[in-house]
C-alpha atoms as a PDB file:
ATOM      1  CA  MET A   1       2.430 -32.823  40.834  1.00  0.00           C
ATOM      2  CA  PRO A   2       3.703 -31.548  37.446  1.00  0.00           C
ATOM      3  CA  TYR A   3       1.621 -29.296  35.260  1.00  0.00           C
ATOM      4  CA  ARG A   4       0.300 -30.948  32.116  1.00  0.00           C
ATOM      5  CA  PHE A   5       0.318 -29.051  28.831  1.00  0.00           C
ATOM      6  CA  LEU A   6      -1.350 -29.641  25.484  1.00  0.00           C
ATOM      7  CA  VAL A   7       0.462 -28.079  22.530  1.00  0.00           C
ATOM      8  CA  THR A   8      -1.884 -27.816  19.552  1.00  0.00           C
ATOM      9  CA  THR A   9       0.711 -28.734  16.955  1.00  0.00           C
ATOM     10  CA  THR A  10       3.040 -31.668  16.388  1.00  0.00           C
ATOM     11  CA  ASP A  11       6.124 -30.050  17.912  1.00  0.00           C
ATOM     12  CA  LEU A  12       7.706 -26.955  19.422  1.00  0.00           C
ATOM     13  CA  GLY A  13      11.048 -25.322  18.788  1.00  0.00           C
ATOM     14  CA  HIS A  14      14.048 -26.417  20.821  1.00  0.00           C
ATOM     15  CA  GLY A  15      13.817 -23.444  23.181  1.00  0.00           C
ATOM     16  CA  GLY A  16      10.184 -24.114  24.016  1.00  0.00           C
ATOM     17  CA  ARG A  17      10.715 -27.828  24.592  1.00  0.00           C
ATOM     18  CA  LYS A  18      13.712 -27.109  26.806  1.00  0.00           C
ATOM     19  CA  ALA A  19      11.851 -24.556  28.927  1.00  0.00           C
ATOM     20  CA  LEU A  20       8.932 -26.908  29.539  1.00  0.00           C
ATOM     21  CA  ALA A  21      11.248 -29.808  30.344  1.00  0.00           C
ATOM     22  CA  GLU A  22      13.290 -27.748  32.800  1.00  0.00           C
ATOM     23  CA  ALA A  23      10.062 -26.697  34.528  1.00  0.00           C
ATOM     24  CA  GLY A  24       9.158 -30.362  34.963  1.00  0.00           C
ATOM     25  CA  CYS A  25       6.006 -30.139  32.850  1.00  0.00           C
ATOM     26  CA  GLU A  26       4.329 -33.042  31.124  1.00  0.00           C
ATOM     27  CA  VAL A  27       3.674 -32.114  27.499  1.00  0.00           C
ATOM     28  CA  ASP A  28       1.422 -33.690  24.877  1.00  0.00           C
ATOM     29  CA  TYR A  29       1.506 -32.815  21.172  1.00  0.00           C
ATOM     30  CA  LEU A  30      -1.041 -33.417  18.430  1.00  0.00           C
ATOM     31  CA  ASP A  31      -0.626 -36.263  15.959  1.00  0.00           C
ATOM     32  CA  THR A  32      -1.463 -33.923  13.067  1.00  0.00           C
ATOM     33  CA  ASN A  33      -1.061 -30.186  12.536  1.00  0.00           C
ATOM     34  CA  ASN A  34      -4.634 -29.153  11.799  1.00  0.00           C
ATOM     35  CA  ASP A  35      -7.205 -31.314  13.530  1.00  0.00           C
ATOM     36  CA  ALA A  36      -9.659 -29.469  15.757  1.00  0.00           C
ATOM     37  CA  ASP A  37     -11.477 -32.736  16.465  1.00  0.00           C
ATOM     38  CA  GLU A  38      -8.293 -34.198  17.925  1.00  0.00           C
ATOM     39  CA  VAL A  39      -7.985 -31.157  20.195  1.00  0.00           C
ATOM     40  CA  GLU A  40     -11.533 -31.709  21.451  1.00  0.00           C
ATOM     41  CA  ARG A  41     -10.934 -35.430  22.040  1.00  0.00           C
ATOM     42  CA  ARG A  42      -7.721 -34.805  23.939  1.00  0.00           C
ATOM     43  CA  MET A  43      -9.163 -32.087  26.146  1.00  0.00           C
ATOM     44  CA  ALA A  44     -12.233 -34.155  26.983  1.00  0.00           C
ATOM     45  CA  SER A  45     -10.141 -37.119  28.108  1.00  0.00           C
ATOM     46  CA  VAL A  46      -7.048 -35.618  29.775  1.00  0.00           C
ATOM     47  CA  ALA A  47      -6.804 -33.280  32.774  1.00  0.00           C
ATOM     48  CA  TYR A  48      -4.754 -30.516  31.180  1.00  0.00           C
ATOM     49  CA  ASP A  49      -3.649 -27.492  33.155  1.00  0.00           C
ATOM     50  CA  ALA A  50      -2.637 -25.387  30.174  1.00  0.00           C
ATOM     51  CA  VAL A  51      -2.900 -25.197  26.400  1.00  0.00           C
ATOM     52  CA  ILE A  52      -0.278 -23.673  24.120  1.00  0.00           C
ATOM     53  CA  SER A  53      -2.311 -22.772  21.053  1.00  0.00           C
ATOM     54  CA  ARG A  54      -0.962 -22.477  17.537  1.00  0.00           C
ATOM     55  CA  THR A  55      -3.413 -22.189  14.621  1.00  0.00           C
ATOM     56  CA  VAL A  56      -5.838 -25.077  15.176  1.00  0.00           C
ATOM     57  CA  THR A  57      -9.328 -24.095  16.330  1.00  0.00           C
ATOM     58  CA  LEU A  58      -9.785 -24.171  20.092  1.00  0.00           C
ATOM     59  CA  SER A  59     -13.556 -24.319  20.378  1.00  0.00           C
ATOM     60  CA  ALA A  60     -15.958 -23.561  23.202  1.00  0.00           C
ATOM     61  CA  ARG A  61     -16.731 -27.262  23.423  1.00  0.00           C
ATOM     62  CA  ALA A  62     -13.056 -28.141  23.809  1.00  0.00           C
ATOM     63  CA  ILE A  63     -12.580 -25.520  26.508  1.00  0.00           C
ATOM     64  CA  ALA A  64     -15.719 -26.544  28.401  1.00  0.00           C
ATOM     65  CA  SER A  65     -14.764 -30.222  28.296  1.00  0.00           C
ATOM     66  CA  CYS A  66     -11.589 -29.669  30.329  1.00  0.00           C
ATOM     67  CA  PRO A  67     -12.534 -28.518  33.863  1.00  0.00           C
ATOM     68  CA  THR A  68      -8.910 -28.540  35.046  1.00  0.00           C
ATOM     69  CA  LEU A  69      -7.818 -26.002  32.428  1.00  0.00           C
ATOM     70  CA  LYS A  70      -6.225 -22.949  34.047  1.00  0.00           C
ATOM     71  CA  ILE A  71      -4.684 -20.961  31.200  1.00  0.00           C
ATOM     72  CA  ILE A  72      -4.463 -20.714  27.397  1.00  0.00           C
ATOM     73  CA  CYS A  73      -1.423 -19.139  25.773  1.00  0.00           C
ATOM     74  CA  LYS A  74      -1.301 -18.272  22.076  1.00  0.00           C
ATOM     75  CA  HIS A  75       2.014 -18.787  20.308  1.00  0.00           C
ATOM     76  CA  GLY A  76       1.688 -15.446  18.515  1.00  0.00           C
ATOM     77  CA  VAL A  77      -0.815 -12.605  18.786  1.00  0.00           C
ATOM     78  CA  GLY A  78      -3.865 -13.506  16.675  1.00  0.00           C
ATOM     79  CA  VAL A  79      -6.562 -15.252  18.708  1.00  0.00           C
ATOM     80  CA  THR A  80      -9.224 -15.735  16.038  1.00  0.00           C
ATOM     81  CA  ASN A  81      -8.792 -19.514  16.346  1.00  0.00           C
ATOM     82  CA  ILE A  82      -9.611 -19.433  20.077  1.00  0.00           C
ATOM     83  CA  ASP A  83     -13.094 -18.987  21.515  1.00  0.00           C
ATOM     84  CA  VAL A  84     -11.994 -16.244  23.895  1.00  0.00           C
ATOM     85  CA  GLU A  85     -15.554 -15.587  25.094  1.00  0.00           C
ATOM     86  CA  ALA A  86     -15.940 -19.216  26.152  1.00  0.00           C
ATOM     87  CA  ALA A  87     -12.631 -19.097  27.996  1.00  0.00           C
ATOM     88  CA  THR A  88     -13.608 -15.848  29.715  1.00  0.00           C
ATOM     89  CA  ARG A  89     -16.917 -17.327  30.874  1.00  0.00           C
ATOM     90  CA  GLN A  90     -14.964 -20.072  32.595  1.00  0.00           C
ATOM     91  CA  GLY A  91     -12.491 -17.661  34.142  1.00  0.00           C
ATOM     92  CA  ILE A  92      -9.615 -18.906  31.982  1.00  0.00           C
ATOM     93  CA  PRO A  93      -7.165 -16.185  30.896  1.00  0.00           C
ATOM     94  CA  VAL A  94      -5.998 -16.148  27.281  1.00  0.00           C
ATOM     95  CA  LEU A  95      -2.471 -14.792  26.895  1.00  0.00           C
ATOM     96  CA  THR A  96      -0.598 -13.814  23.745  1.00  0.00           C
ATOM     97  CA  THR A  97       3.118 -13.643  23.002  1.00  0.00           C
ATOM     98  CA  PRO A  98       3.747 -10.486  20.960  1.00  0.00           C
ATOM     99  CA  ALA A  99       6.786 -10.407  18.676  1.00  0.00           C
ATOM    100  CA  THR A 100       7.875 -13.968  19.458  1.00  0.00           C
ATOM    101  CA  ASN A 101       7.556 -14.979  15.804  1.00  0.00           C
ATOM    102  CA  ALA A 102       7.935 -11.500  14.277  1.00  0.00           C
ATOM    103  CA  GLN A 103      11.363 -12.159  12.804  1.00  0.00           C
ATOM    104  CA  SER A 104      10.289 -15.510  11.385  1.00  0.00           C
ATOM    105  CA  VAL A 105       7.203 -14.026   9.713  1.00  0.00           C
ATOM    106  CA  ALA A 106       9.176 -11.053   8.417  1.00  0.00           C
ATOM    107  CA  GLU A 107      11.774 -13.342   6.843  1.00  0.00           C
ATOM    108  CA  LEU A 108       9.068 -15.480   5.248  1.00  0.00           C
ATOM    109  CA  THR A 109       7.418 -12.339   3.877  1.00  0.00           C
ATOM    110  CA  VAL A 110      10.651 -11.230   2.222  1.00  0.00           C
ATOM    111  CA  ALA A 111      11.238 -14.741   0.867  1.00  0.00           C
ATOM    112  CA  LEU A 112       7.783 -14.736  -0.728  1.00  0.00           C
ATOM    113  CA  MET A 113       8.372 -11.259  -2.182  1.00  0.00           C
ATOM    114  CA  LEU A 114      11.597 -12.379  -3.839  1.00  0.00           C
ATOM    115  CA  SER A 115      10.124 -15.685  -5.001  1.00  0.00           C
ATOM    116  CA  CYS A 116       7.166 -13.934  -6.626  1.00  0.00           C
ATOM    117  CA  ALA A 117       9.297 -11.236  -8.237  1.00  0.00           C
ATOM    118  CA  ARG A 118      11.803 -13.753  -9.597  1.00  0.00           C
ATOM    119  CA  ARG A 119       9.280 -16.537 -10.337  1.00  0.00           C
ATOM    120  CA  LEU A 120      11.484 -19.044  -8.545  1.00  0.00           C
ATOM    121  CA  PRO A 121       8.964 -21.927  -8.321  1.00  0.00           C
ATOM    122  CA  TRP A 122       8.222 -21.646 -12.061  1.00  0.00           C
ATOM    123  CA  PHE A 123      11.917 -21.723 -12.961  1.00  0.00           C
ATOM    124  CA  GLN A 124      12.440 -24.710 -10.673  1.00  0.00           C
ATOM    125  CA  GLN A 125       9.656 -26.550 -12.493  1.00  0.00           C
ATOM    126  CA  GLU A 126      11.165 -25.667 -15.882  1.00  0.00           C
ATOM    127  CA  VAL A 127      14.615 -26.952 -14.939  1.00  0.00           C
ATOM    128  CA  ALA A 128      13.177 -30.092 -13.341  1.00  0.00           C
ATOM    129  CA  ALA A 129      11.284 -30.773 -16.589  1.00  0.00           C
ATOM    130  CA  GLY A 130      14.485 -30.472 -18.609  1.00  0.00           C
ATOM    131  CA  ARG A 131      13.674 -27.084 -20.122  1.00  0.00           C
ATOM    132  CA  TRP A 132      16.266 -24.284 -20.137  1.00  0.00           C
ATOM    133  CA  THR A 133      13.995 -21.270 -20.455  1.00  0.00           C
ATOM    134  CA  ARG A 134      15.674 -17.865 -20.604  1.00  0.00           C
ATOM    135  CA  SER A 135      12.619 -15.682 -21.081  1.00  0.00           C
ATOM    136  CA  GLY A 136      10.835 -13.910 -18.266  1.00  0.00           C
ATOM    137  CA  ASP A 137      13.693 -13.837 -15.792  1.00  0.00           C
ATOM    138  CA  GLY A 138      11.684 -11.893 -13.250  1.00  0.00           C
ATOM    139  CA  GLU A 139      11.784  -8.362 -11.943  1.00  0.00           C
ATOM    140  CA  GLU A 140      13.991  -6.398  -9.579  1.00  0.00           C
ATOM    141  CA  LEU A 141      12.428  -5.040  -6.425  1.00  0.00           C
ATOM    142  CA  SER A 142      14.802  -2.094  -6.191  1.00  0.00           C
ATOM    143  CA  GLY A 143      13.034   1.153  -7.027  1.00  0.00           C
ATOM    144  CA  LYS A 144       9.579  -0.348  -6.538  1.00  0.00           C
ATOM    145  CA  THR A 145       7.174   0.490  -3.746  1.00  0.00           C
ATOM    146  CA  LEU A 146       6.257  -1.919  -0.984  1.00  0.00           C
ATOM    147  CA  GLY A 147       2.849  -1.217   0.516  1.00  0.00           C
ATOM    148  CA  LEU A 148       2.250  -2.508   4.028  1.00  0.00           C
ATOM    149  CA  VAL A 149      -1.206  -2.924   5.526  1.00  0.00           C
ATOM    150  CA  GLY A 150      -0.234  -2.848   9.178  1.00  0.00           C
ATOM    151  CA  TYR A 151       2.953  -1.276  10.485  1.00  0.00           C
ATOM    152  CA  GLY A 152       3.555  -3.101  13.728  1.00  0.00           C
ATOM    153  CA  GLU A 153       6.529  -5.241  14.704  1.00  0.00           C
ATOM    154  CA  ILE A 154       6.401  -7.481  11.627  1.00  0.00           C
ATOM    155  CA  GLY A 155       5.645  -4.700   9.169  1.00  0.00           C
ATOM    156  CA  ARG A 156       8.552  -2.611  10.429  1.00  0.00           C
ATOM    157  CA  ARG A 157      10.978  -5.508  10.103  1.00  0.00           C
ATOM    158  CA  VAL A 158       9.835  -6.190   6.555  1.00  0.00           C
ATOM    159  CA  ALA A 159      10.164  -2.484   5.760  1.00  0.00           C
ATOM    160  CA  LYS A 160      13.752  -2.429   7.006  1.00  0.00           C
ATOM    161  CA  VAL A 161      14.781  -5.247   4.655  1.00  0.00           C
ATOM    162  CA  ALA A 162      12.820  -3.771   1.749  1.00  0.00           C
ATOM    163  CA  GLN A 163      14.558  -0.429   2.197  1.00  0.00           C
ATOM    164  CA  ALA A 164      17.918  -2.212   2.205  1.00  0.00           C
ATOM    165  CA  LEU A 165      16.933  -3.702  -1.168  1.00  0.00           C
ATOM    166  CA  GLY A 166      16.281  -0.206  -2.502  1.00  0.00           C
ATOM    167  CA  MET A 167      12.504  -0.264  -2.253  1.00  0.00           C
ATOM    168  CA  ASN A 168      10.313   2.636  -1.246  1.00  0.00           C
ATOM    169  CA  VAL A 169       7.937   1.810   1.612  1.00  0.00           C
ATOM    170  CA  ALA A 170       4.438   3.112   2.264  1.00  0.00           C
ATOM    171  CA  PHE A 171       1.948   1.894   4.831  1.00  0.00           C
ATOM    172  CA  PHE A 172      -1.613   2.194   6.069  1.00  0.00           C
ATOM    173  CA  ASP A 173      -2.214   1.601   9.766  1.00  0.00           C
ATOM    174  CA  PRO A 174      -4.785   3.705  11.647  1.00  0.00           C
ATOM    175  CA  ALA A 175      -3.374   2.434  14.954  1.00  0.00           C
ATOM    176  CA  ILE A 176      -0.054   4.234  14.457  1.00  0.00           C
ATOM    177  CA  ALA A 177       0.019   7.605  16.204  1.00  0.00           C
ATOM    178  CA  GLY A 178       0.395  10.636  13.987  1.00  0.00           C
ATOM    179  CA  ASP A 179       3.657  11.672  15.639  1.00  0.00           C
ATOM    180  CA  ALA A 180       5.212   8.185  15.600  1.00  0.00           C
ATOM    181  CA  ASP A 181       8.589   7.604  13.977  1.00  0.00           C
ATOM    182  CA  THR A 182       7.855   5.774  10.725  1.00  0.00           C
ATOM    183  CA  ALA A 183      11.511   4.992   9.936  1.00  0.00           C
ATOM    184  CA  GLY A 184      11.382   6.524   6.480  1.00  0.00           C
ATOM    185  CA  ALA A 185       8.126   4.879   5.420  1.00  0.00           C
ATOM    186  CA  ARG A 186       5.368   7.003   3.921  1.00  0.00           C
ATOM    187  CA  ARG A 187       2.095   7.070   5.839  1.00  0.00           C
ATOM    188  CA  CYS A 188      -1.090   6.720   3.766  1.00  0.00           C
ATOM    189  CA  ALA A 189      -4.396   8.077   4.982  1.00  0.00           C
ATOM    190  CA  SER A 190      -6.448   5.104   3.812  1.00  0.00           C
ATOM    191  CA  LEU A 191      -6.235   1.716   2.151  1.00  0.00           C
ATOM    192  CA  ALA A 192      -7.496   3.303  -1.072  1.00  0.00           C
ATOM    193  CA  ASP A 193      -4.602   5.759  -0.864  1.00  0.00           C
ATOM    194  CA  LEU A 194      -2.060   2.962  -0.410  1.00  0.00           C
ATOM    195  CA  LEU A 195      -3.201   0.450  -3.028  1.00  0.00           C
ATOM    196  CA  PRO A 196      -2.389   2.400  -6.241  1.00  0.00           C
ATOM    197  CA  ARG A 197       1.168   2.951  -4.971  1.00  0.00           C
ATOM    198  CA  ALA A 198       1.917  -0.670  -4.068  1.00  0.00           C
ATOM    199  CA  ASP A 199       3.948  -2.656  -6.590  1.00  0.00           C
ATOM    200  CA  VAL A 200       4.097  -5.221  -3.800  1.00  0.00           C
ATOM    201  CA  LEU A 201       1.347  -5.278  -1.170  1.00  0.00           C
ATOM    202  CA  SER A 202       1.995  -7.159   2.063  1.00  0.00           C
ATOM    203  CA  LEU A 203      -0.636  -7.773   4.744  1.00  0.00           C
ATOM    204  CA  HIS A 204       0.238  -7.551   8.442  1.00  0.00           C
ATOM    205  CA  CYS A 205      -3.029  -6.849  10.228  1.00  0.00           C
ATOM    206  CA  PRO A 206      -5.556  -8.820  12.294  1.00  0.00           C
ATOM    207  CA  VAL A 207      -8.915 -10.103  11.119  1.00  0.00           C
ATOM    208  CA  ASN A 208     -11.902  -8.243  12.499  1.00  0.00           C
ATOM    209  CA  ASP A 209     -15.201  -6.868  11.247  1.00  0.00           C
ATOM    210  CA  LYS A 210     -13.416  -3.991   9.494  1.00  0.00           C
ATOM    211  CA  THR A 211     -10.669  -5.997   7.813  1.00  0.00           C
ATOM    212  CA  ARG A 212     -12.383  -9.272   6.875  1.00  0.00           C
ATOM    213  CA  GLY A 213     -12.546  -9.444   3.078  1.00  0.00           C
ATOM    214  CA  MET A 214     -11.064  -5.964   2.703  1.00  0.00           C
ATOM    215  CA  LEU A 215      -9.104  -6.987  -0.380  1.00  0.00           C
ATOM    216  CA  ASP A 216     -12.089  -7.550  -2.632  1.00  0.00           C
ATOM    217  CA  ALA A 217     -12.369  -7.084  -6.398  1.00  0.00           C
ATOM    218  CA  ALA A 218     -12.665  -3.303  -6.107  1.00  0.00           C
ATOM    219  CA  ALA A 219      -9.603  -3.055  -3.882  1.00  0.00           C
ATOM    220  CA  LEU A 220      -7.494  -5.343  -6.064  1.00  0.00           C
ATOM    221  CA  ALA A 221      -8.463  -3.299  -9.117  1.00  0.00           C
ATOM    222  CA  LEU A 222      -6.823  -0.256  -7.496  1.00  0.00           C
ATOM    223  CA  MET A 223      -3.436  -1.969  -7.439  1.00  0.00           C
ATOM    224  CA  PRO A 224      -1.008  -1.336 -10.323  1.00  0.00           C
ATOM    225  CA  ALA A 225      -1.035  -3.818 -13.203  1.00  0.00           C
ATOM    226  CA  GLY A 226       1.562  -6.496 -12.555  1.00  0.00           C
ATOM    227  CA  ALA A 227       1.572  -5.983  -8.790  1.00  0.00           C
ATOM    228  CA  VAL A 228       2.270  -8.745  -6.276  1.00  0.00           C
ATOM    229  CA  LEU A 229       0.224  -9.623  -3.180  1.00  0.00           C
ATOM    230  CA  ILE A 230       1.832 -11.186  -0.102  1.00  0.00           C
ATOM    231  CA  ASN A 231      -0.291 -12.515   2.760  1.00  0.00           C
ATOM    232  CA  THR A 232       1.419 -13.871   5.858  1.00  0.00           C
ATOM    233  CA  ALA A 233      -1.349 -12.572   8.149  1.00  0.00           C
ATOM    234  CA  ARG A 234      -4.807 -14.168   7.820  1.00  0.00           C
ATOM    235  CA  GLY A 235      -6.527 -15.716   4.824  1.00  0.00           C
ATOM    236  CA  GLU A 236      -9.852 -14.086   5.661  1.00  0.00           C
ATOM    237  CA  LEU A 237      -8.446 -10.669   4.784  1.00  0.00           C
ATOM    238  CA  VAL A 238      -8.694 -11.532   1.084  1.00  0.00           C
ATOM    239  CA  ASP A 239     -11.656 -12.296  -1.171  1.00  0.00           C
ATOM    240  CA  GLU A 240     -10.169 -15.432  -2.705  1.00  0.00           C
ATOM    241  CA  GLY A 241     -12.494 -15.462  -5.700  1.00  0.00           C
ATOM    242  CA  ALA A 242     -11.501 -11.906  -6.546  1.00  0.00           C
ATOM    243  CA  LEU A 243      -7.810 -12.726  -6.090  1.00  0.00           C
ATOM    244  CA  PHE A 244      -8.090 -15.745  -8.379  1.00  0.00           C
ATOM    245  CA  ALA A 245      -9.738 -13.590 -11.056  1.00  0.00           C
ATOM    246  CA  ALA A 246      -7.066 -10.886 -10.740  1.00  0.00           C
ATOM    247  CA  LEU A 247      -4.284 -13.450 -11.107  1.00  0.00           C
ATOM    248  CA  GLN A 248      -5.956 -15.336 -13.935  1.00  0.00           C
ATOM    249  CA  SER A 249      -6.509 -12.131 -15.906  1.00  0.00           C
ATOM    250  CA  GLY A 250      -2.905 -11.065 -15.408  1.00  0.00           C
ATOM    251  CA  HIS A 251      -3.801  -7.897 -13.523  1.00  0.00           C
ATOM    252  CA  LEU A 252      -1.715  -9.224 -10.640  1.00  0.00           C
ATOM    253  CA  ARG A 253       1.624 -10.834 -11.404  1.00  0.00           C
ATOM    254  CA  ALA A 254       1.710 -13.240  -8.471  1.00  0.00           C
ATOM    255  CA  ALA A 255       0.576 -13.956  -4.932  1.00  0.00           C
ATOM    256  CA  GLY A 256       2.648 -15.351  -2.088  1.00  0.00           C
ATOM    257  CA  LEU A 257       0.285 -16.896   0.452  1.00  0.00           C
ATOM    258  CA  ASP A 258       1.251 -18.322   3.823  1.00  0.00           C
ATOM    259  CA  THR A 259      -2.403 -18.551   4.755  1.00  0.00           C
ATOM    260  CA  VAL A 260      -5.808 -19.104   3.156  1.00  0.00           C
ATOM    261  CA  ALA A 261      -9.341 -18.729   4.468  1.00  0.00           C
ATOM    262  CA  HIS A 262      -9.827 -22.460   5.012  1.00  0.00           C
ATOM    263  CA  GLU A 263      -6.792 -24.553   5.864  1.00  0.00           C
ATOM    264  CA  PRO A 264      -5.408 -26.836   4.695  1.00  0.00           C
ATOM    265  CA  LEU A 265      -5.875 -25.766   1.070  1.00  0.00           C
ATOM    266  CA  ALA A 266      -8.462 -28.028  -0.542  1.00  0.00           C
ATOM    267  CA  ALA A 267      -7.301 -30.377  -3.276  1.00  0.00           C
ATOM    268  CA  ASP A 268      -9.705 -28.742  -5.746  1.00  0.00           C
ATOM    269  CA  HIS A 269      -9.013 -25.142  -4.718  1.00  0.00           C
ATOM    270  CA  PRO A 270      -8.680 -22.859  -7.780  1.00  0.00           C
ATOM    271  CA  PHE A 271      -5.334 -21.515  -6.516  1.00  0.00           C
ATOM    272  CA  ARG A 272      -3.812 -24.907  -7.304  1.00  0.00           C
ATOM    273  CA  GLN A 273      -4.410 -24.228 -11.003  1.00  0.00           C
ATOM    274  CA  LEU A 274      -2.171 -21.166 -11.039  1.00  0.00           C
ATOM    275  CA  SER A 275       1.609 -21.196 -11.318  1.00  0.00           C
ATOM    276  CA  SER A 276       1.519 -17.574 -10.158  1.00  0.00           C
ATOM    277  CA  VAL A 277       0.476 -18.584  -6.633  1.00  0.00           C
ATOM    278  CA  ILE A 278       3.135 -19.594  -4.141  1.00  0.00           C
END
């Protein structure tokens, strides 16, 4: 009898689909990309053997409602969307897949850096509106300092590209051993040591009790005037009210956000008012 999988997104990449098909698995996908209720309904009504989890919440209720569930695998490394304690109570292992999306996230990070520095969305809007604006062409990244909060697989890949662009790289990551090869990046002793150096600050760390909300108003105030914030990690790392204020005042030039604290971004979210947010 084939194993039955639930993938908590609407699709998988070609390689993933091919591997599951060749293994003879039956695979179900969600109808929408961010519906925790749909996950709960599916798991309560279908005898799944395994769940491939993306970013949608996998709650204790969903896990408990599926007695046939044998394993949960996260497509990535962050498991904050999965109730790991509930899975553990039921004897269900939760696996992660380190570095599987590291290149993709690193490329997106660099794309957001360039888009913020060059104001690409704003220029696209100007041209689409029939305006040929020549002022404010953006800034070069060469010679500026990229600050990385987290220097794991993704951070190192971003650093490599940034260095190729002529940027200096500094990082803060207490998990990196003191004698580790930092590939030319400067190690900072604390977040407060890193922030004043960072013309561009990019986040590549997990959410936990120490990091949740770490970029608050006081932290953002330490960054240089006109700096850029990039977040391709977790929205909960940033105090969104403080970030909005820093952008609105002009203290920060722009923010490139792949994630926010509550997804999807609400229709009335203040970030939607700002052309400086990508």
